[in-house]
Amino acid sequence: MEPFPISIEKRISRGLQRLNFHGIYATHLGAGKITLVCTNKDANERALAVAAAKTVPGVTEVSMQNGKPS
C-alpha cells in the first residue's frame, strides 16, 4: 500500500496500461477534468481510452488531444 493517495493521473495511467494502451498521458486540470494526450492512435483507440478514463473515481470530464505531452 502506498503511503499517500494515488493521484488521478497515476490511476488513469495505470488503468490504461493494464488495458494495453501505451503512449497516452493524463493531465489533471482540477475539479476532475482530465486531458489525455496521445500520438499515433486511431479514433477507436482514442474513444476507448476516453471511456476507460471516465470510469476512474473522481473524473468528471475527459478530453483527448493529439500530440506530444508538454
PDB file of N, CA and C in Angstrom:
ATOM      1  N   MET A   1       0.842  -1.185   0.000  1.00  0.00           N
ATOM      2  CA  MET A   1       0.000   0.000   0.000  1.00  0.00           C
ATOM      3  C   MET A   1       0.884   1.245   0.000  1.00  0.00           C
ATOM      4  N   GLU A   2       0.517   2.204  -0.820  1.00  0.00           N
ATOM      5  CA  GLU A   2       1.299   3.431  -0.924  1.00  0.00           C
ATOM      6  C   GLU A   2       0.935   4.365   0.229  1.00  0.00           C
ATOM      7  N   PRO A   3       1.916   5.117   0.753  1.00  0.00           N
ATOM      8  CA  PRO A   3       1.675   5.953   1.925  1.00  0.00           C
ATOM      9  C   PRO A   3       0.748   7.142   1.680  1.00  0.00           C
ATOM     10  N   PHE A   4       0.637   7.607   0.444  1.00  0.00           N
ATOM     11  CA  PHE A   4      -0.207   8.754   0.115  1.00  0.00           C
ATOM     12  C   PHE A   4      -1.234   8.330  -0.921  1.00  0.00           C
ATOM     13  N   PRO A   5      -2.371   9.023  -0.979  1.00  0.00           N
ATOM     14  CA  PRO A   5      -3.356   8.686  -2.018  1.00  0.00           C
ATOM     15  C   PRO A   5      -2.737   8.809  -3.410  1.00  0.00           C
ATOM     16  N   ILE A   6      -3.147   7.938  -4.290  1.00  0.00           N
ATOM     17  CA  ILE A   6      -2.626   7.942  -5.656  1.00  0.00           C
ATOM     18  C   ILE A   6      -3.358   9.019  -6.452  1.00  0.00           C
ATOM     19  N   SER A   7      -2.597   9.814  -7.208  1.00  0.00           N
ATOM     20  CA  SER A   7      -3.190  10.891  -7.998  1.00  0.00           C
ATOM     21  C   SER A   7      -4.100  10.329  -9.088  1.00  0.00           C
ATOM     22  N   ILE A   8      -5.019  11.162  -9.518  1.00  0.00           N
ATOM     23  CA  ILE A   8      -5.920  10.760 -10.605  1.00  0.00           C
ATOM     24  C   ILE A   8      -5.111  10.406 -11.844  1.00  0.00           C
ATOM     25  N   GLU A   9      -4.085  11.207 -12.162  1.00  0.00           N
ATOM     26  CA  GLU A   9      -3.267  10.920 -13.344  1.00  0.00           C
ATOM     27  C   GLU A   9      -2.656   9.529 -13.274  1.00  0.00           C
ATOM     28  N   LYS A  10      -2.126   9.185 -12.099  1.00  0.00           N
ATOM     29  CA  LYS A  10      -1.479   7.884 -11.945  1.00  0.00           C
ATOM     30  C   LYS A  10      -2.503   6.752 -12.034  1.00  0.00           C
ATOM     31  N   ARG A  11      -3.690   6.948 -11.436  1.00  0.00           N
ATOM     32  CA  ARG A  11      -4.728   5.914 -11.526  1.00  0.00           C
ATOM     33  C   ARG A  11      -5.158   5.699 -12.973  1.00  0.00           C
ATOM     34  N   ILE A  12      -5.304   6.786 -13.737  1.00  0.00           N
ATOM     35  CA  ILE A  12      -5.682   6.662 -15.146  1.00  0.00           C
ATOM     36  C   ILE A  12      -4.566   5.979 -15.926  1.00  0.00           C
ATOM     37  N   SER A  13      -3.332   6.411 -15.720  1.00  0.00           N
ATOM     38  CA  SER A  13      -2.203   5.818 -16.442  1.00  0.00           C
ATOM     39  C   SER A  13      -2.085   4.323 -16.168  1.00  0.00           C
ATOM     40  N   ARG A  14      -2.213   3.942 -14.913  1.00  0.00           N
ATOM     41  CA  ARG A  14      -2.132   2.517 -14.566  1.00  0.00           C
ATOM     42  C   ARG A  14      -3.256   1.725 -15.217  1.00  0.00           C
ATOM     43  N   GLY A  15      -4.464   2.293 -15.184  1.00  0.00           N
ATOM     44  CA  GLY A  15      -5.596   1.610 -15.804  1.00  0.00           C
ATOM     45  C   GLY A  15      -5.424   1.453 -17.305  1.00  0.00           C
ATOM     46  N   LEU A  16      -4.942   2.498 -17.961  1.00  0.00           N
ATOM     47  CA  LEU A  16      -4.737   2.424 -19.412  1.00  0.00           C
ATOM     48  C   LEU A  16      -3.639   1.418 -19.756  1.00  0.00           C
ATOM     49  N   GLN A  17      -2.594   1.358 -18.953  1.00  0.00           N
ATOM     50  CA  GLN A  17      -1.529   0.379 -19.192  1.00  0.00           C
ATOM     51  C   GLN A  17      -2.042  -1.036 -19.027  1.00  0.00           C
ATOM     52  N   ARG A  18      -2.903  -1.257 -18.022  1.00  0.00           N
ATOM     53  CA  ARG A  18      -3.484  -2.597 -17.832  1.00  0.00           C
ATOM     54  C   ARG A  18      -4.313  -3.003 -19.043  1.00  0.00           C
ATOM     55  N   LEU A  19      -4.919  -2.016 -19.708  1.00  0.00           N
ATOM     56  CA  LEU A  19      -5.716  -2.285 -20.904  1.00  0.00           C
ATOM     57  C   LEU A  19      -4.866  -2.286 -22.173  1.00  0.00           C
ATOM     58  N   ASN A  20      -3.545  -2.197 -21.990  1.00  0.00           N
ATOM     59  CA  ASN A  20      -2.579  -2.233 -23.088  1.00  0.00           C
ATOM     60  C   ASN A  20      -2.617  -0.976 -23.956  1.00  0.00           C
ATOM     61  N   PHE A  21      -2.971   0.164 -23.352  1.00  0.00           N
ATOM     62  CA  PHE A  21      -2.884   1.450 -24.014  1.00  0.00           C
ATOM     63  C   PHE A  21      -1.602   2.109 -23.536  1.00  0.00           C
ATOM     64  N   HIS A  22      -0.610   2.151 -24.392  1.00  0.00           N
ATOM     65  CA  HIS A  22       0.660   2.770 -24.039  1.00  0.00           C
ATOM     66  C   HIS A  22       0.814   4.050 -24.858  1.00  0.00           C
ATOM     67  N   GLY A  23       1.545   5.006 -24.336  1.00  0.00           N
ATOM     68  CA  GLY A  23       1.764   6.259 -25.054  1.00  0.00           C
ATOM     69  C   GLY A  23       0.624   7.236 -24.925  1.00  0.00           C
ATOM     70  N   ILE A  24      -0.223   7.055 -23.895  1.00  0.00           N
ATOM     71  CA  ILE A  24      -1.293   8.011 -23.613  1.00  0.00           C
ATOM     72  C   ILE A  24      -1.006   8.589 -22.234  1.00  0.00           C
ATOM     73  N   TYR A  25      -0.968   9.905 -22.141  1.00  0.00           N
ATOM     74  CA  TYR A  25      -0.610  10.581 -20.900  1.00  0.00           C
ATOM     75  C   TYR A  25      -1.785  11.400 -20.395  1.00  0.00           C
ATOM     76  N   ALA A  26      -2.014  11.363 -19.093  1.00  0.00           N
ATOM     77  CA  ALA A  26      -3.136  12.072 -18.484  1.00  0.00           C
ATOM     78  C   ALA A  26      -2.638  13.302 -17.735  1.00  0.00           C
ATOM     79  N   THR A  27      -3.389  14.381 -17.859  1.00  0.00           N
ATOM     80  CA  THR A  27      -3.124  15.599 -17.108  1.00  0.00           C
ATOM     81  C   THR A  27      -4.409  16.000 -16.396  1.00  0.00           C
ATOM     82  N   HIS A  28      -4.325  16.188 -15.072  1.00  0.00           N
ATOM     83  CA  HIS A  28      -5.481  16.604 -14.291  1.00  0.00           C
ATOM     84  C   HIS A  28      -5.516  18.126 -14.265  1.00  0.00           C
ATOM     85  N   LEU A  29      -6.599  18.701 -14.749  1.00  0.00           N
ATOM     86  CA  LEU A  29      -6.741  20.150 -14.831  1.00  0.00           C
ATOM     87  C   LEU A  29      -7.442  20.730 -13.606  1.00  0.00           C
ATOM     88  N   GLY A  30      -7.839  19.863 -12.688  1.00  0.00           N
ATOM     89  CA  GLY A  30      -8.580  20.286 -11.500  1.00  0.00           C
ATOM     90  C   GLY A  30     -10.053  19.984 -11.644  1.00  0.00           C
ATOM     91  N   ALA A  31     -10.725  19.847 -10.516  1.00  0.00           N
ATOM     92  CA  ALA A  31     -12.169  19.592 -10.477  1.00  0.00           C
ATOM     93  C   ALA A  31     -12.573  18.359 -11.282  1.00  0.00           C
ATOM     94  N   GLY A  32     -11.684  17.364 -11.351  1.00  0.00           N
ATOM     95  CA  GLY A  32     -11.997  16.118 -12.044  1.00  0.00           C
ATOM     96  C   GLY A  32     -11.880  16.176 -13.552  1.00  0.00           C
ATOM     97  N   LYS A  33     -11.400  17.287 -14.098  1.00  0.00           N
ATOM     98  CA  LYS A  33     -11.252  17.423 -15.550  1.00  0.00           C
ATOM     99  C   LYS A  33      -9.885  16.891 -15.973  1.00  0.00           C
ATOM    100  N   ILE A  34      -9.900  16.010 -16.966  1.00  0.00           N
ATOM    101  CA  ILE A  34      -8.703  15.317 -17.430  1.00  0.00           C
ATOM    102  C   ILE A  34      -8.507  15.571 -18.916  1.00  0.00           C
ATOM    103  N   THR A  35      -7.266  15.792 -19.306  1.00  0.00           N
ATOM    104  CA  THR A  35      -6.907  15.810 -20.722  1.00  0.00           C
ATOM    105  C   THR A  35      -5.972  14.640 -20.963  1.00  0.00           C
ATOM    106  N   LEU A  36      -6.313  13.816 -21.938  1.00  0.00           N
ATOM    107  CA  LEU A  36      -5.444  12.725 -22.373  1.00  0.00           C
ATOM    108  C   LEU A  36      -4.691  13.194 -23.603  1.00  0.00           C
ATOM    109  N   VAL A  37      -3.401  12.948 -23.637  1.00  0.00           N
ATOM    110  CA  VAL A  37      -2.568  13.330 -24.774  1.00  0.00           C
ATOM    111  C   VAL A  37      -1.958  12.059 -25.338  1.00  0.00           C
ATOM    112  N   CYS A  38      -2.069  11.882 -26.652  1.00  0.00           N
ATOM    113  CA  CYS A  38      -1.530  10.676 -27.274  1.00  0.00           C
ATOM    114  C   CYS A  38      -0.954  11.004 -28.647  1.00  0.00           C
ATOM    115  N   THR A  39      -0.155  10.083 -29.138  1.00  0.00           N
ATOM    116  CA  THR A  39       0.357  10.172 -30.502  1.00  0.00           C
ATOM    117  C   THR A  39       0.045   8.860 -31.203  1.00  0.00           C
ATOM    118  N   ASN A  40      -0.203   8.929 -32.461  1.00  0.00           N
ATOM    119  CA  ASN A  40      -0.369   7.741 -33.302  1.00  0.00           C
ATOM    120  C   ASN A  40      -1.445   6.779 -32.836  1.00  0.00           C
ATOM    121  N   LYS A  41      -2.584   7.288 -32.401  1.00  0.00           N
ATOM    122  CA  LYS A  41      -3.710   6.433 -32.031  1.00  0.00           C
ATOM    123  C   LYS A  41      -4.855   6.718 -32.988  1.00  0.00           C
ATOM    124  N   ASP A  42      -5.545   5.652 -33.400  1.00  0.00           N
ATOM    125  CA  ASP A  42      -6.682   5.876 -34.290  1.00  0.00           C
ATOM    126  C   ASP A  42      -7.910   6.283 -33.466  1.00  0.00           C
ATOM    127  N   ALA A  43      -8.977   6.639 -34.160  1.00  0.00           N
ATOM    128  CA  ALA A  43     -10.176   7.158 -33.496  1.00  0.00           C
ATOM    129  C   ALA A  43     -10.768   6.151 -32.520  1.00  0.00           C
ATOM    130  N   ASN A  44     -10.754   4.871 -32.857  1.00  0.00           N
ATOM    131  CA  ASN A  44     -11.308   3.855 -31.960  1.00  0.00           C
ATOM    132  C   ASN A  44     -10.497   3.747 -30.674  1.00  0.00           C
ATOM    133  N   GLU A  45      -9.172   3.749 -30.791  1.00  0.00           N
ATOM    134  CA  GLU A  45      -8.318   3.674 -29.603  1.00  0.00           C
ATOM    135  C   GLU A  45      -8.514   4.900 -28.719  1.00  0.00           C
ATOM    136  N   ARG A  46      -8.631   6.065 -29.334  1.00  0.00           N
ATOM    137  CA  ARG A  46      -8.849   7.281 -28.549  1.00  0.00           C
ATOM    138  C   ARG A  46     -10.180   7.226 -27.812  1.00  0.00           C
ATOM    139  N   ALA A  47     -11.224   6.772 -28.490  1.00  0.00           N
ATOM    140  CA  ALA A  47     -12.551   6.678 -27.865  1.00  0.00           C
ATOM    141  C   ALA A  47     -12.537   5.683 -26.701  1.00  0.00           C
ATOM    142  N   LEU A  48     -11.868   4.556 -26.877  1.00  0.00           N
ATOM    143  CA  LEU A  48     -11.782   3.575 -25.792  1.00  0.00           C
ATOM    144  C   LEU A  48     -10.993   4.115 -24.604  1.00  0.00           C
ATOM    145  N   ALA A  49      -9.920   4.847 -24.864  1.00  0.00           N
ATOM    146  CA  ALA A  49      -9.117   5.426 -23.787  1.00  0.00           C
ATOM    147  C   ALA A  49      -9.937   6.459 -23.009  1.00  0.00           C
ATOM    148  N   VAL A  50     -10.700   7.281 -23.711  1.00  0.00           N
ATOM    149  CA  VAL A  50     -11.552   8.274 -23.047  1.00  0.00           C
ATOM    150  C   VAL A  50     -12.601   7.567 -22.191  1.00  0.00           C
ATOM    151  N   ALA A  51     -13.238   6.539 -22.739  1.00  0.00           N
ATOM    152  CA  ALA A  51     -14.258   5.801 -21.989  1.00  0.00           C
ATOM    153  C   ALA A  51     -13.654   5.160 -20.738  1.00  0.00           C
ATOM    154  N   ALA A  52     -12.454   4.597 -20.870  1.00  0.00           N
ATOM    155  CA  ALA A  52     -11.802   3.972 -19.717  1.00  0.00           C
ATOM    156  C   ALA A  52     -11.460   5.021 -18.658  1.00  0.00           C
ATOM    157  N   ALA A  53     -10.970   6.174 -19.068  1.00  0.00           N
ATOM    158  CA  ALA A  53     -10.602   7.228 -18.122  1.00  0.00           C
ATOM    159  C   ALA A  53     -11.827   7.734 -17.359  1.00  0.00           C
ATOM    160  N   LYS A  54     -12.975   7.770 -18.017  1.00  0.00           N
ATOM    161  CA  LYS A  54     -14.200   8.245 -17.372  1.00  0.00           C
ATOM    162  C   LYS A  54     -14.669   7.326 -16.250  1.00  0.00           C
ATOM    163  N   THR A  55     -14.180   6.093 -16.203  1.00  0.00           N
ATOM    164  CA  THR A  55     -14.591   5.155 -15.152  1.00  0.00           C
ATOM    165  C   THR A  55     -13.795   5.338 -13.862  1.00  0.00           C
ATOM    166  N   VAL A  56     -12.748   6.143 -13.896  1.00  0.00           N
ATOM    167  CA  VAL A  56     -11.907   6.345 -12.716  1.00  0.00           C
ATOM    168  C   VAL A  56     -12.642   7.255 -11.733  1.00  0.00           C
ATOM    169  N   PRO A  57     -12.753   6.835 -10.457  1.00  0.00           N
ATOM    170  CA  PRO A  57     -13.427   7.681  -9.468  1.00  0.00           C
ATOM    171  C   PRO A  57     -12.781   9.064  -9.377  1.00  0.00           C
ATOM    172  N   GLY A  58     -13.615  10.084  -9.359  1.00  0.00           N
ATOM    173  CA  GLY A  58     -13.141  11.461  -9.264  1.00  0.00           C
ATOM    174  C   GLY A  58     -13.065  12.171 -10.597  1.00  0.00           C
ATOM    175  N   VAL A  59     -13.152  11.423 -11.692  1.00  0.00           N
ATOM    176  CA  VAL A  59     -13.091  12.024 -13.031  1.00  0.00           C
ATOM    177  C   VAL A  59     -14.494  12.475 -13.419  1.00  0.00           C
ATOM    178  N   THR A  60     -14.609  13.731 -13.827  1.00  0.00           N
ATOM    179  CA  THR A  60     -15.907  14.272 -14.235  1.00  0.00           C
ATOM    180  C   THR A  60     -15.984  14.586 -15.716  1.00  0.00           C
ATOM    181  N   GLU A  61     -14.822  14.820 -16.337  1.00  0.00           N
ATOM    182  CA  GLU A  61     -14.788  15.198 -17.753  1.00  0.00           C
ATOM    183  C   GLU A  61     -13.452  14.776 -18.347  1.00  0.00           C
ATOM    184  N   VAL A  62     -13.484  14.244 -19.570  1.00  0.00           N
ATOM    185  CA  VAL A  62     -12.250  13.813 -20.235  1.00  0.00           C
ATOM    186  C   VAL A  62     -12.230  14.372 -21.650  1.00  0.00           C
ATOM    187  N   SER A  63     -11.105  14.970 -22.014  1.00  0.00           N
ATOM    188  CA  SER A  63     -10.907  15.407 -23.395  1.00  0.00           C
ATOM    189  C   SER A  63      -9.641  14.738 -23.928  1.00  0.00           C
ATOM    190  N   MET A  64      -9.550  14.627 -25.237  1.00  0.00           N
ATOM    191  CA  MET A  64      -8.414  13.975 -25.886  1.00  0.00           C
ATOM    192  C   MET A  64      -7.720  14.979 -26.782  1.00  0.00           C
ATOM    193  N   GLN A  65      -6.410  14.926 -26.749  1.00  0.00           N
ATOM    194  CA  GLN A  65      -5.589  15.833 -27.557  1.00  0.00           C
ATOM    195  C   GLN A  65      -4.512  15.001 -28.241  1.00  0.00           C
ATOM    196  N   ASN A  66      -4.312  15.226 -29.530  1.00  0.00           N
ATOM    197  CA  ASN A  66      -3.232  14.540 -30.235  1.00  0.00           C
ATOM    198  C   ASN A  66      -1.963  15.369 -30.137  1.00  0.00           C
ATOM    199  N   GLY A  67      -0.854  14.711 -30.026  1.00  0.00           N
ATOM    200  CA  GLY A  67       0.417  15.394 -29.954  1.00  0.00           C
ATOM    201  C   GLY A  67       1.263  14.854 -28.831  1.00  0.00           C
ATOM    202  N   LYS A  68       2.368  15.514 -28.584  1.00  0.00           N
ATOM    203  CA  LYS A  68       3.259  15.097 -27.522  1.00  0.00           C
ATOM    204  C   LYS A  68       2.901  15.821 -26.230  1.00  0.00           C
ATOM    205  N   PRO A  69       3.001  15.119 -25.080  1.00  0.00           N
ATOM    206  CA  PRO A  69       2.691  15.789 -23.815  1.00  0.00           C
ATOM    207  C   PRO A  69       3.663  16.927 -23.554  1.00  0.00           C
ATOM    208  N   SER A  70       3.164  18.006 -22.976  1.00  0.00           N
ATOM    209  CA  SER A  70       4.030  19.145 -22.680  1.00  0.00           C
ATOM    210  C   SER A  70       4.572  19.072 -21.267  1.00  0.00           C
TER     211      SER A  70
END
